[in-house]
Amino acid sequence: MNELDILIKSMPKAYSYVRFSTPEQAKGDSLRRQFERSKKYADEHGLVLDTSLDLLDQGLSGYTGENQQKGALGVFIRAVESGIVPSGSVLIVESLDRLSRETLLAQMTLLGTPGRT
């Protein structure tokens, strides 16, 4: 392993979560825009953007929590809880409404549950 590999391995990891609700949004710029913003944020903050997990919820509702139950956000949560995602990693989202559009209490639970910080 060379010095560059060691440096990259020691950098904090970031994961990009992209969600949109309707098939019409897939035809637009939502996917590219959200992913590009994540990449820019990672670059600006010295994070390695890990794309090993497919964190795209296309057509899953943030209102019902469907994205947490059977979508990519749920996959990410389970990966964090099981240790697949290293401690200190960062989840990048365009805005909080990409994670959830549920009640404020439900959103606070999502963000505040131990192991989900």
PDB file of N, CA and C in Angstrom:
ATOM      1  N   MET A   1       0.867  -1.185   0.000  1.00  0.00           N
ATOM      2  CA  MET A   1       0.000   0.000   0.000  1.00  0.00           C
ATOM      3  C   MET A   1       0.907   1.240   0.000  1.00  0.00           C
ATOM      4  N   ASN A   2       0.686   2.143  -0.955  1.00  0.00           N
ATOM      5  CA  ASN A   2       1.518   3.342  -1.029  1.00  0.00           C
ATOM      6  C   ASN A   2       0.969   4.443  -0.111  1.00  0.00           C
ATOM      7  N   GLU A   3       1.704   5.545  -0.021  1.00  0.00           N
ATOM      8  CA  GLU A   3       1.323   6.631   0.899  1.00  0.00           C
ATOM      9  C   GLU A   3      -0.036   7.236   0.554  1.00  0.00           C
ATOM     10  N   LEU A   4      -0.345   7.351  -0.729  1.00  0.00           N
ATOM     11  CA  LEU A   4      -1.632   7.908  -1.139  1.00  0.00           C
ATOM     12  C   LEU A   4      -2.772   6.998  -0.682  1.00  0.00           C
ATOM     13  N   ASP A   5      -2.614   5.700  -0.850  1.00  0.00           N
ATOM     14  CA  ASP A   5      -3.634   4.750  -0.400  1.00  0.00           C
ATOM     15  C   ASP A   5      -3.850   4.848   1.107  1.00  0.00           C
ATOM     16  N   ILE A   6      -2.772   4.976   1.847  1.00  0.00           N
ATOM     17  CA  ILE A   6      -2.857   5.101   3.312  1.00  0.00           C
ATOM     18  C   ILE A   6      -3.574   6.393   3.688  1.00  0.00           C
ATOM     19  N   LEU A   7      -3.249   7.485   3.010  1.00  0.00           N
ATOM     20  CA  LEU A   7      -3.888   8.773   3.280  1.00  0.00           C
ATOM     21  C   LEU A   7      -5.385   8.703   2.996  1.00  0.00           C
ATOM     22  N   ILE A   8      -5.754   8.164   1.859  1.00  0.00           N
ATOM     23  CA  ILE A   8      -7.167   8.069   1.493  1.00  0.00           C
ATOM     24  C   ILE A   8      -7.918   7.174   2.465  1.00  0.00           C
ATOM     25  N   LYS A   9      -7.307   6.064   2.871  1.00  0.00           N
ATOM     26  CA  LYS A   9      -7.955   5.148   3.806  1.00  0.00           C
ATOM     27  C   LYS A   9      -8.200   5.812   5.162  1.00  0.00           C
ATOM     28  N   SER A  10      -7.341   6.763   5.536  1.00  0.00           N
ATOM     29  CA  SER A  10      -7.483   7.426   6.838  1.00  0.00           C
ATOM     30  C   SER A  10      -8.473   8.591   6.814  1.00  0.00           C
ATOM     31  N   MET A  11      -8.879   9.024   5.623  1.00  0.00           N
ATOM     32  CA  MET A  11      -9.820  10.147   5.513  1.00  0.00           C
ATOM     33  C   MET A  11     -11.226   9.691   5.879  1.00  0.00           C
ATOM     34  N   PRO A  12     -12.005  10.572   6.519  1.00  0.00           N
ATOM     35  CA  PRO A  12     -13.389  10.206   6.835  1.00  0.00           C
ATOM     36  C   PRO A  12     -14.184   9.917   5.563  1.00  0.00           C
ATOM     37  N   LYS A  13     -15.107   8.954   5.667  1.00  0.00           N
ATOM     38  CA  LYS A  13     -15.945   8.600   4.525  1.00  0.00           C
ATOM     39  C   LYS A  13     -17.245   9.391   4.551  1.00  0.00           C
ATOM     40  N   ALA A  14     -17.757   9.630   3.355  1.00  0.00           N
ATOM     41  CA  ALA A  14     -19.055  10.276   3.205  1.00  0.00           C
ATOM     42  C   ALA A  14     -19.885   9.424   2.256  1.00  0.00           C
ATOM     43  N   TYR A  15     -21.178   9.440   2.484  1.00  0.00           N
ATOM     44  CA  TYR A  15     -22.129   8.719   1.653  1.00  0.00           C
ATOM     45  C   TYR A  15     -23.177   9.720   1.187  1.00  0.00           C
ATOM     46  N   SER A  16     -23.533   9.642  -0.085  1.00  0.00           N
ATOM     47  CA  SER A  16     -24.522  10.549  -0.650  1.00  0.00           C
ATOM     48  C   SER A  16     -25.873   9.854  -0.706  1.00  0.00           C
ATOM     49  N   TYR A  17     -26.866  10.458  -0.059  1.00  0.00           N
ATOM     50  CA  TYR A  17     -28.231   9.937  -0.114  1.00  0.00           C
ATOM     51  C   TYR A  17     -29.064  10.849  -1.003  1.00  0.00           C
ATOM     52  N   VAL A  18     -29.685  10.251  -2.021  1.00  0.00           N
ATOM     53  CA  VAL A  18     -30.498  10.989  -2.984  1.00  0.00           C
ATOM     54  C   VAL A  18     -31.906  10.403  -2.971  1.00  0.00           C
ATOM     55  N   ARG A  19     -32.904  11.285  -2.833  1.00  0.00           N
ATOM     56  CA  ARG A  19     -34.290  10.828  -2.865  1.00  0.00           C
ATOM     57  C   ARG A  19     -35.140  11.827  -3.631  1.00  0.00           C
ATOM     58  N   PHE A  20     -36.023  11.290  -4.443  1.00  0.00           N
ATOM     59  CA  PHE A  20     -37.088  12.095  -5.025  1.00  0.00           C
ATOM     60  C   PHE A  20     -38.314  11.205  -5.139  1.00  0.00           C
ATOM     61  N   SER A  21     -39.477  11.826  -5.155  1.00  0.00           N
ATOM     62  CA  SER A  21     -40.726  11.092  -4.957  1.00  0.00           C
ATOM     63  C   SER A  21     -41.427  10.628  -6.220  1.00  0.00           C
ATOM     64  N   THR A  22     -41.253  11.347  -7.299  1.00  0.00           N
ATOM     65  CA  THR A  22     -42.074  11.040  -8.463  1.00  0.00           C
ATOM     66  C   THR A  22     -41.226  10.643  -9.675  1.00  0.00           C
ATOM     67  N   PRO A  23     -41.777   9.814 -10.548  1.00  0.00           N
ATOM     68  CA  PRO A  23     -41.067   9.439 -11.777  1.00  0.00           C
ATOM     69  C   PRO A  23     -40.736  10.653 -12.646  1.00  0.00           C
ATOM     70  N   GLU A  24     -41.582  11.682 -12.582  1.00  0.00           N
ATOM     71  CA  GLU A  24     -41.322  12.886 -13.372  1.00  0.00           C
ATOM     72  C   GLU A  24     -40.000  13.545 -12.958  1.00  0.00           C
ATOM     73  N   GLN A  25     -39.684  13.478 -11.670  1.00  0.00           N
ATOM     74  CA  GLN A  25     -38.434  14.081 -11.193  1.00  0.00           C
ATOM     75  C   GLN A  25     -37.218  13.344 -11.742  1.00  0.00           C
ATOM     76  N   ALA A  26     -37.365  12.052 -12.040  1.00  0.00           N
ATOM     77  CA  ALA A  26     -36.261  11.284 -12.621  1.00  0.00           C
ATOM     78  C   ALA A  26     -35.912  11.794 -14.009  1.00  0.00           C
ATOM     79  N   LYS A  27     -36.899  12.364 -14.704  1.00  0.00           N
ATOM     80  CA  LYS A  27     -36.670  12.896 -16.041  1.00  0.00           C
ATOM     81  C   LYS A  27     -35.953  14.243 -15.990  1.00  0.00           C
ATOM     82  N   GLY A  28     -35.983  14.878 -14.847  1.00  0.00           N
ATOM     83  CA  GLY A  28     -35.374  16.196 -14.701  1.00  0.00           C
ATOM     84  C   GLY A  28     -33.939  16.114 -14.218  1.00  0.00           C
ATOM     85  N   ASP A  29     -33.574  17.065 -13.390  1.00  0.00           N
ATOM     86  CA  ASP A  29     -32.190  17.256 -12.976  1.00  0.00           C
ATOM     87  C   ASP A  29     -31.933  16.825 -11.529  1.00  0.00           C
ATOM     88  N   SER A  30     -32.924  16.260 -10.858  1.00  0.00           N
ATOM     89  CA  SER A  30     -32.829  15.993  -9.430  1.00  0.00           C
ATOM     90  C   SER A  30     -31.671  15.063  -9.055  1.00  0.00           C
ATOM     91  N   LEU A  31     -31.540  13.955  -9.761  1.00  0.00           N
ATOM     92  CA  LEU A  31     -30.488  12.985  -9.453  1.00  0.00           C
ATOM     93  C   LEU A  31     -29.106  13.600  -9.625  1.00  0.00           C
ATOM     94  N   ARG A  32     -28.855  14.181 -10.778  1.00  0.00           N
ATOM     95  CA  ARG A  32     -27.543  14.784 -11.041  1.00  0.00           C
ATOM     96  C   ARG A  32     -27.248  15.900 -10.051  1.00  0.00           C
ATOM     97  N   ARG A  33     -28.229  16.772  -9.825  1.00  0.00           N
ATOM     98  CA  ARG A  33     -28.037  17.914  -8.938  1.00  0.00           C
ATOM     99  C   ARG A  33     -27.680  17.467  -7.523  1.00  0.00           C
ATOM    100  N   GLN A  34     -28.465  16.536  -6.983  1.00  0.00           N
ATOM    101  CA  GLN A  34     -28.216  16.097  -5.605  1.00  0.00           C
ATOM    102  C   GLN A  34     -26.859  15.406  -5.473  1.00  0.00           C
ATOM    103  N   PHE A  35     -26.523  14.544  -6.435  1.00  0.00           N
ATOM    104  CA  PHE A  35     -25.245  13.847  -6.344  1.00  0.00           C
ATOM    105  C   PHE A  35     -24.074  14.812  -6.523  1.00  0.00           C
ATOM    106  N   GLU A  36     -24.167  15.740  -7.451  1.00  0.00           N
ATOM    107  CA  GLU A  36     -23.089  16.708  -7.666  1.00  0.00           C
ATOM    108  C   GLU A  36     -22.867  17.581  -6.432  1.00  0.00           C
ATOM    109  N   ARG A  37     -23.934  17.973  -5.763  1.00  0.00           N
ATOM    110  CA  ARG A  37     -23.794  18.761  -4.539  1.00  0.00           C
ATOM    111  C   ARG A  37     -23.110  17.953  -3.441  1.00  0.00           C
ATOM    112  N   SER A  38     -23.429  16.672  -3.370  1.00  0.00           N
ATOM    113  CA  SER A  38     -22.763  15.802  -2.395  1.00  0.00           C
ATOM    114  C   SER A  38     -21.276  15.697  -2.694  1.00  0.00           C
ATOM    115  N   LYS A  39     -20.949  15.494  -3.956  1.00  0.00           N
ATOM    116  CA  LYS A  39     -19.543  15.389  -4.366  1.00  0.00           C
ATOM    117  C   LYS A  39     -18.793  16.671  -4.037  1.00  0.00           C
ATOM    118  N   LYS A  40     -19.388  17.799  -4.328  1.00  0.00           N
ATOM    119  CA  LYS A  40     -18.750  19.086  -4.039  1.00  0.00           C
ATOM    120  C   LYS A  40     -18.526  19.256  -2.541  1.00  0.00           C
ATOM    121  N   TYR A  41     -19.531  18.920  -1.737  1.00  0.00           N
ATOM    122  CA  TYR A  41     -19.396  19.039  -0.281  1.00  0.00           C
ATOM    123  C   TYR A  41     -18.268  18.140   0.225  1.00  0.00           C
ATOM    124  N   ALA A  42     -18.236  16.911  -0.247  1.00  0.00           N
ATOM    125  CA  ALA A  42     -17.189  15.974   0.173  1.00  0.00           C
ATOM    126  C   ALA A  42     -15.805  16.518  -0.195  1.00  0.00           C
ATOM    127  N   ASP A  43     -15.657  16.989  -1.404  1.00  0.00           N
ATOM    128  CA  ASP A  43     -14.374  17.534  -1.853  1.00  0.00           C
ATOM    129  C   ASP A  43     -13.950  18.731  -1.003  1.00  0.00           C
ATOM    130  N   GLU A  44     -14.890  19.618  -0.724  1.00  0.00           N
ATOM    131  CA  GLU A  44     -14.580  20.834   0.034  1.00  0.00           C
ATOM    132  C   GLU A  44     -14.249  20.557   1.503  1.00  0.00           C
ATOM    133  N   HIS A  45     -14.689  19.399   2.009  1.00  0.00           N
ATOM    134  CA  HIS A  45     -14.490  19.098   3.422  1.00  0.00           C
ATOM    135  C   HIS A  45     -13.545  17.917   3.663  1.00  0.00           C
ATOM    136  N   GLY A  46     -12.791  17.546   2.657  1.00  0.00           N
ATOM    137  CA  GLY A  46     -11.784  16.497   2.815  1.00  0.00           C
ATOM    138  C   GLY A  46     -12.358  15.124   3.127  1.00  0.00           C
ATOM    139  N   LEU A  47     -13.509  14.826   2.537  1.00  0.00           N
ATOM    140  CA  LEU A  47     -14.161  13.536   2.758  1.00  0.00           C
ATOM    141  C   LEU A  47     -14.025  12.679   1.505  1.00  0.00           C
ATOM    142  N   VAL A  48     -13.911  11.380   1.696  1.00  0.00           N
ATOM    143  CA  VAL A  48     -13.896  10.449   0.580  1.00  0.00           C
ATOM    144  C   VAL A  48     -15.330  10.001   0.341  1.00  0.00           C
ATOM    145  N   LEU A  49     -15.851  10.268  -0.833  1.00  0.00           N
ATOM    146  CA  LEU A  49     -17.220   9.886  -1.160  1.00  0.00           C
ATOM    147  C   LEU A  49     -17.244   8.406  -1.528  1.00  0.00           C
ATOM    148  N   ASP A  50     -17.850   7.616  -0.662  1.00  0.00           N
ATOM    149  CA  ASP A  50     -17.940   6.168  -0.844  1.00  0.00           C
ATOM    150  C   ASP A  50     -19.234   5.859  -1.585  1.00  0.00           C
ATOM    151  N   THR A  51     -19.118   5.258  -2.749  1.00  0.00           N
ATOM    152  CA  THR A  51     -20.298   4.935  -3.555  1.00  0.00           C
ATOM    153  C   THR A  51     -20.591   3.434  -3.538  1.00  0.00           C
ATOM    154  N   SER A  52     -20.035   2.724  -2.560  1.00  0.00           N
ATOM    155  CA  SER A  52     -20.245   1.278  -2.500  1.00  0.00           C
ATOM    156  C   SER A  52     -21.684   0.917  -2.140  1.00  0.00           C
ATOM    157  N   LEU A  53     -22.387   1.810  -1.468  1.00  0.00           N
ATOM    158  CA  LEU A  53     -23.799   1.604  -1.163  1.00  0.00           C
ATOM    159  C   LEU A  53     -24.619   2.432  -2.144  1.00  0.00           C
ATOM    160  N   ASP A  54     -25.613   1.832  -2.757  1.00  0.00           N
ATOM    161  CA  ASP A  54     -26.484   2.542  -3.688  1.00  0.00           C
ATOM    162  C   ASP A  54     -27.560   3.241  -2.868  1.00  0.00           C
ATOM    163  N   LEU A  55     -27.369   4.517  -2.598  1.00  0.00           N
ATOM    164  CA  LEU A  55     -28.267   5.256  -1.711  1.00  0.00           C
ATOM    165  C   LEU A  55     -29.196   6.164  -2.503  1.00  0.00           C
ATOM    166  N   LEU A  56     -29.946   5.567  -3.400  1.00  0.00           N
ATOM    167  CA  LEU A  56     -30.908   6.287  -4.220  1.00  0.00           C
ATOM    168  C   LEU A  56     -32.298   5.744  -3.937  1.00  0.00           C
ATOM    169  N   ASP A  57     -33.175   6.617  -3.491  1.00  0.00           N
ATOM    170  CA  ASP A  57     -34.586   6.273  -3.318  1.00  0.00           C
ATOM    171  C   ASP A  57     -35.377   7.046  -4.361  1.00  0.00           C
ATOM    172  N   GLN A  58     -35.682   6.368  -5.425  1.00  0.00           N
ATOM    173  CA  GLN A  58     -36.391   6.961  -6.553  1.00  0.00           C
ATOM    174  C   GLN A  58     -37.855   6.556  -6.459  1.00  0.00           C
ATOM    175  N   GLY A  59     -38.697   7.533  -6.226  1.00  0.00           N
ATOM    176  CA  GLY A  59     -40.124   7.265  -6.166  1.00  0.00           C
ATOM    177  C   GLY A  59     -40.615   6.765  -4.821  1.00  0.00           C
ATOM    178  N   LEU A  60     -39.809   6.913  -3.772  1.00  0.00           N
ATOM    179  CA  LEU A  60     -40.244   6.514  -2.433  1.00  0.00           C
ATOM    180  C   LEU A  60     -40.575   7.746  -1.603  1.00  0.00           C
ATOM    181  N   SER A  61     -41.651   7.657  -0.878  1.00  0.00           N
ATOM    182  CA  SER A  61     -42.148   8.801  -0.129  1.00  0.00           C
ATOM    183  C   SER A  61     -41.340   9.074   1.134  1.00  0.00           C
ATOM    184  N   GLY A  62     -41.092  10.345   1.363  1.00  0.00           N
ATOM    185  CA  GLY A  62     -40.532  10.790   2.628  1.00  0.00           C
ATOM    186  C   GLY A  62     -41.627  11.113   3.632  1.00  0.00           C
ATOM    187  N   TYR A  63     -42.866  11.246   3.157  1.00  0.00           N
ATOM    188  CA  TYR A  63     -44.005  11.539   4.036  1.00  0.00           C
ATOM    189  C   TYR A  63     -44.378  10.331   4.881  1.00  0.00           C
ATOM    190  N   THR A  64     -44.313   9.161   4.294  1.00  0.00           N
ATOM    191  CA  THR A  64     -44.759   7.954   4.990  1.00  0.00           C
ATOM    192  C   THR A  64     -43.627   7.212   5.686  1.00  0.00           C
ATOM    193  N   GLY A  65     -42.392   7.585   5.411  1.00  0.00           N
ATOM    194  CA  GLY A  65     -41.247   6.873   5.965  1.00  0.00           C
ATOM    195  C   GLY A  65     -40.902   5.622   5.179  1.00  0.00           C
ATOM    196  N   GLU A  66     -41.521   5.476   4.012  1.00  0.00           N
ATOM    197  CA  GLU A  66     -41.270   4.311   3.164  1.00  0.00           C
ATOM    198  C   GLU A  66     -39.787   4.186   2.825  1.00  0.00           C
ATOM    199  N   ASN A  67     -39.111   5.319   2.656  1.00  0.00           N
ATOM    200  CA  ASN A  67     -37.686   5.301   2.340  1.00  0.00           C
ATOM    201  C   ASN A  67     -36.853   4.718   3.491  1.00  0.00           C
ATOM    202  N   GLN A  68     -37.347   4.855   4.719  1.00  0.00           N
ATOM    203  CA  GLN A  68     -36.643   4.282   5.873  1.00  0.00           C
ATOM    204  C   GLN A  68     -36.955   2.801   6.044  1.00  0.00           C
ATOM    205  N   GLN A  69     -38.159   2.407   5.689  1.00  0.00           N
ATOM    206  CA  GLN A  69     -38.601   1.034   5.900  1.00  0.00           C
ATOM    207  C   GLN A  69     -38.057   0.075   4.838  1.00  0.00           C
ATOM    208  N   LYS A  70     -38.229   0.438   3.571  1.00  0.00           N
ATOM    209  CA  LYS A  70     -37.815  -0.492   2.524  1.00  0.00           C
ATOM    210  C   LYS A  70     -36.931   0.135   1.459  1.00  0.00           C
ATOM    211  N   GLY A  71     -36.490   1.327   1.698  1.00  0.00           N
ATOM    212  CA  GLY A  71     -35.654   2.000   0.714  1.00  0.00           C
ATOM    213  C   GLY A  71     -34.187   2.032   1.082  1.00  0.00           C
ATOM    214  N   ALA A  72     -33.450   2.794   0.306  1.00  0.00           N
ATOM    215  CA  ALA A  72     -32.003   2.908   0.496  1.00  0.00           C
ATOM    216  C   ALA A  72     -31.641   3.557   1.829  1.00  0.00           C
ATOM    217  N   LEU A  73     -32.482   4.458   2.322  1.00  0.00           N
ATOM    218  CA  LEU A  73     -32.187   5.056   3.622  1.00  0.00           C
ATOM    219  C   LEU A  73     -32.206   3.985   4.706  1.00  0.00           C
ATOM    220  N   GLY A  74     -33.144   3.066   4.621  1.00  0.00           N
ATOM    221  CA  GLY A  74     -33.183   1.940   5.561  1.00  0.00           C
ATOM    222  C   GLY A  74     -31.945   1.065   5.455  1.00  0.00           C
ATOM    223  N   VAL A  75     -31.479   0.836   4.239  1.00  0.00           N
ATOM    224  CA  VAL A  75     -30.248   0.065   4.023  1.00  0.00           C
ATOM    225  C   VAL A  75     -29.080   0.767   4.712  1.00  0.00           C
ATOM    226  N   PHE A  76     -29.005   2.088   4.549  1.00  0.00           N
ATOM    227  CA  PHE A  76     -27.918   2.848   5.172  1.00  0.00           C
ATOM    228  C   PHE A  76     -27.998   2.751   6.700  1.00  0.00           C
ATOM    229  N   ILE A  77     -29.184   2.915   7.250  1.00  0.00           N
ATOM    230  CA  ILE A  77     -29.354   2.843   8.709  1.00  0.00           C
ATOM    231  C   ILE A  77     -28.877   1.481   9.221  1.00  0.00           C
ATOM    232  N   ARG A  78     -29.277   0.415   8.556  1.00  0.00           N
ATOM    233  CA  ARG A  78     -28.848  -0.928   8.975  1.00  0.00           C
ATOM    234  C   ARG A  78     -27.337  -1.102   8.804  1.00  0.00           C
ATOM    235  N   ALA A  79     -26.753  -0.508   7.767  1.00  0.00           N
ATOM    236  CA  ALA A  79     -25.303  -0.587   7.565  1.00  0.00           C
ATOM    237  C   ALA A  79     -24.552   0.147   8.674  1.00  0.00           C
ATOM    238  N   VAL A  80     -25.107   1.250   9.143  1.00  0.00           N
ATOM    239  CA  VAL A  80     -24.505   1.970  10.269  1.00  0.00           C
ATOM    240  C   VAL A  80     -24.597   1.111  11.526  1.00  0.00           C
ATOM    241  N   GLU A  81     -25.795   0.587  11.794  1.00  0.00           N
ATOM    242  CA  GLU A  81     -26.024  -0.204  12.998  1.00  0.00           C
ATOM    243  C   GLU A  81     -25.169  -1.471  13.040  1.00  0.00           C
ATOM    244  N   SER A  82     -24.884  -2.056  11.885  1.00  0.00           N
ATOM    245  CA  SER A  82     -24.104  -3.287  11.840  1.00  0.00           C
ATOM    246  C   SER A  82     -22.601  -3.042  11.753  1.00  0.00           C
ATOM    247  N   GLY A  83     -22.187  -1.784  11.618  1.00  0.00           N
ATOM    248  CA  GLY A  83     -20.770  -1.463  11.562  1.00  0.00           C
ATOM    249  C   GLY A  83     -20.171  -1.494  10.163  1.00  0.00           C
ATOM    250  N   ILE A  84     -20.972  -1.742   9.151  1.00  0.00           N
ATOM    251  CA  ILE A  84     -20.469  -1.712   7.774  1.00  0.00           C
ATOM    252  C   ILE A  84     -20.005  -0.305   7.422  1.00  0.00           C
ATOM    253  N   VAL A  85     -20.779   0.683   7.855  1.00  0.00           N
ATOM    254  CA  VAL A  85     -20.377   2.084   7.683  1.00  0.00           C
ATOM    255  C   VAL A  85     -19.521   2.455   8.883  1.00  0.00           C
ATOM    256  N   PRO A  86     -18.272   2.860   8.644  1.00  0.00           N
ATOM    257  CA  PRO A  86     -17.365   3.142   9.760  1.00  0.00           C
ATOM    258  C   PRO A  86     -17.833   4.315  10.621  1.00  0.00           C
ATOM    259  N   SER A  87     -17.559   4.216  11.895  1.00  0.00           N
ATOM    260  CA  SER A  87     -17.848   5.308  12.819  1.00  0.00           C
ATOM    261  C   SER A  87     -17.145   6.573  12.334  1.00  0.00           C
ATOM    262  N   GLY A  88     -17.812   7.701  12.456  1.00  0.00           N
ATOM    263  CA  GLY A  88     -17.245   8.970  12.006  1.00  0.00           C
ATOM    264  C   GLY A  88     -17.592   9.313  10.565  1.00  0.00           C
ATOM    265  N   SER A  89     -18.297   8.416   9.905  1.00  0.00           N
ATOM    266  CA  SER A  89     -18.708   8.686   8.523  1.00  0.00           C
ATOM    267  C   SER A  89     -19.815   9.728   8.501  1.00  0.00           C
ATOM    268  N   VAL A  90     -20.023  10.302   7.320  1.00  0.00           N
ATOM    269  CA  VAL A  90     -20.980  11.388   7.145  1.00  0.00           C
ATOM    270  C   VAL A  90     -21.987  10.994   6.065  1.00  0.00           C
ATOM    271  N   LEU A  91     -23.269  11.247   6.339  1.00  0.00           N
ATOM    272  CA  LEU A  91     -24.302  11.086   5.321  1.00  0.00           C
ATOM    273  C   LEU A  91     -24.628  12.477   4.793  1.00  0.00           C
ATOM    274  N   ILE A  92     -24.462  12.653   3.495  1.00  0.00           N
ATOM    275  CA  ILE A  92     -24.722  13.951   2.875  1.00  0.00           C
ATOM    276  C   ILE A  92     -26.075  13.897   2.181  1.00  0.00           C
ATOM    277  N   VAL A  93     -26.927  14.859   2.508  1.00  0.00           N
ATOM    278  CA  VAL A  93     -28.237  14.991   1.858  1.00  0.00           C
ATOM    279  C   VAL A  93     -28.407  16.433   1.422  1.00  0.00           C
ATOM    280  N   GLU A  94     -29.156  16.623   0.358  1.00  0.00           N
ATOM    281  CA  GLU A  94     -29.368  17.971  -0.163  1.00  0.00           C
ATOM    282  C   GLU A  94     -30.083  18.855   0.860  1.00  0.00           C
ATOM    283  N   SER A  95     -31.089  18.304   1.505  1.00  0.00           N
ATOM    284  CA  SER A  95     -31.809  19.009   2.558  1.00  0.00           C
ATOM    285  C   SER A  95     -32.495  17.960   3.432  1.00  0.00           C
ATOM    286  N   LEU A  96     -32.884  18.350   4.626  1.00  0.00           N
ATOM    287  CA  LEU A  96     -33.471  17.387   5.553  1.00  0.00           C
ATOM    288  C   LEU A  96     -34.755  16.757   5.025  1.00  0.00           C
ATOM    289  N   ASP A  97     -35.476  17.451   4.157  1.00  0.00           N
ATOM    290  CA  ASP A  97     -36.708  16.849   3.640  1.00  0.00           C
ATOM    291  C   ASP A  97     -36.428  15.682   2.697  1.00  0.00           C
ATOM    292  N   ARG A  98     -35.177  15.469   2.313  1.00  0.00           N
ATOM    293  CA  ARG A  98     -34.812  14.274   1.542  1.00  0.00           C
ATOM    294  C   ARG A  98     -34.842  13.052   2.458  1.00  0.00           C
ATOM    295  N   LEU A  99     -34.501  13.230   3.734  1.00  0.00           N
ATOM    296  CA  LEU A  99     -34.534  12.123   4.695  1.00  0.00           C
ATOM    297  C   LEU A  99     -35.955  11.791   5.110  1.00  0.00           C
ATOM    298  N   SER A 100     -36.722  12.845   5.411  1.00  0.00           N
ATOM    299  CA  SER A 100     -38.064  12.614   5.930  1.00  0.00           C
ATOM    300  C   SER A 100     -38.926  13.850   5.739  1.00  0.00           C
ATOM    301  N   ARG A 101     -40.194  13.585   5.497  1.00  0.00           N
ATOM    302  CA  ARG A 101     -41.207  14.641   5.495  1.00  0.00           C
ATOM    303  C   ARG A 101     -42.278  14.291   6.515  1.00  0.00           C
ATOM    304  N   GLU A 102     -41.908  13.377   7.423  1.00  0.00           N
ATOM    305  CA  GLU A 102     -42.825  12.979   8.476  1.00  0.00           C
ATOM    306  C   GLU A 102     -42.920  14.094   9.517  1.00  0.00           C
ATOM    307  N   THR A 103     -43.644  13.846  10.577  1.00  0.00           N
ATOM    308  CA  THR A 103     -43.793  14.838  11.636  1.00  0.00           C
ATOM    309  C   THR A 103     -42.427  15.170  12.229  1.00  0.00           C
ATOM    310  N   LEU A 104     -42.351  16.297  12.870  1.00  0.00           N
ATOM    311  CA  LEU A 104     -41.099  16.716  13.494  1.00  0.00           C
ATOM    312  C   LEU A 104     -40.616  15.679  14.505  1.00  0.00           C
ATOM    313  N   LEU A 105     -41.524  15.108  15.284  1.00  0.00           N
ATOM    314  CA  LEU A 105     -41.146  14.091  16.264  1.00  0.00           C
ATOM    315  C   LEU A 105     -40.524  12.873  15.581  1.00  0.00           C
ATOM    316  N   ALA A 106     -41.113  12.426  14.491  1.00  0.00           N
ATOM    317  CA  ALA A 106     -40.565  11.286  13.757  1.00  0.00           C
ATOM    318  C   ALA A 106     -39.183  11.622  13.193  1.00  0.00           C
ATOM    319  N   GLN A 107     -38.999  12.834  12.710  1.00  0.00           N
ATOM    320  CA  GLN A 107     -37.703  13.246  12.182  1.00  0.00           C
ATOM    321  C   GLN A 107     -36.659  13.290  13.291  1.00  0.00           C
ATOM    322  N   MET A 108     -37.043  13.800  14.445  1.00  0.00           N
ATOM    323  CA  MET A 108     -36.116  13.868  15.571  1.00  0.00           C
ATOM    324  C   MET A 108     -35.712  12.467  16.014  1.00  0.00           C
ATOM    325  N   THR A 109     -36.651  11.533  15.982  1.00  0.00           N
ATOM    326  CA  THR A 109     -36.349  10.160  16.340  1.00  0.00           C
ATOM    327  C   THR A 109     -35.349   9.561  15.365  1.00  0.00           C
ATOM    328  N   LEU A 110     -35.550   9.802  14.077  1.00  0.00           N
ATOM    329  CA  LEU A 110     -34.626   9.315  13.062  1.00  0.00           C
ATOM    330  C   LEU A 110     -33.224   9.850  13.286  1.00  0.00           C
ATOM    331  N   LEU A 111     -33.118  11.140  13.557  1.00  0.00           N
ATOM    332  CA  LEU A 111     -31.812  11.764  13.716  1.00  0.00           C
ATOM    333  C   LEU A 111     -31.176  11.526  15.074  1.00  0.00           C
ATOM    334  N   GLY A 112     -32.000  11.250  16.091  1.00  0.00           N
ATOM    335  CA  GLY A 112     -31.472  11.171  17.439  1.00  0.00           C
ATOM    336  C   GLY A 112     -31.321   9.789  18.033  1.00  0.00           C
ATOM    337  N   THR A 113     -31.721   8.759  17.298  1.00  0.00           N
ATOM    338  CA  THR A 113     -31.610   7.409  17.823  1.00  0.00           C
ATOM    339  C   THR A 113     -30.139   7.027  17.944  1.00  0.00           C
ATOM    340  N   PRO A 114     -29.735   6.425  19.088  1.00  0.00           N
ATOM    341  CA  PRO A 114     -28.333   6.017  19.232  1.00  0.00           C
ATOM    342  C   PRO A 114     -27.912   5.142  18.055  1.00  0.00           C
ATOM    343  N   GLY A 115     -26.702   5.415  17.568  1.00  0.00           N
ATOM    344  CA  GLY A 115     -26.201   4.683  16.409  1.00  0.00           C
ATOM    345  C   GLY A 115     -26.595   5.329  15.101  1.00  0.00           C
ATOM    346  N   ARG A 116     -27.412   6.353  15.175  1.00  0.00           N
ATOM    347  CA  ARG A 116     -27.858   7.046  13.949  1.00  0.00           C
ATOM    348  C   ARG A 116     -27.428   8.505  13.976  1.00  0.00           C
ATOM    349  N   THR A 117     -26.306   8.807  14.545  1.00  0.00           N
ATOM    350  CA  THR A 117     -25.842  10.184  14.596  1.00  0.00           C
ATOM    351  C   THR A 117     -24.676  10.397  13.675  1.00  0.00           C
TER     352      THR A 117
END
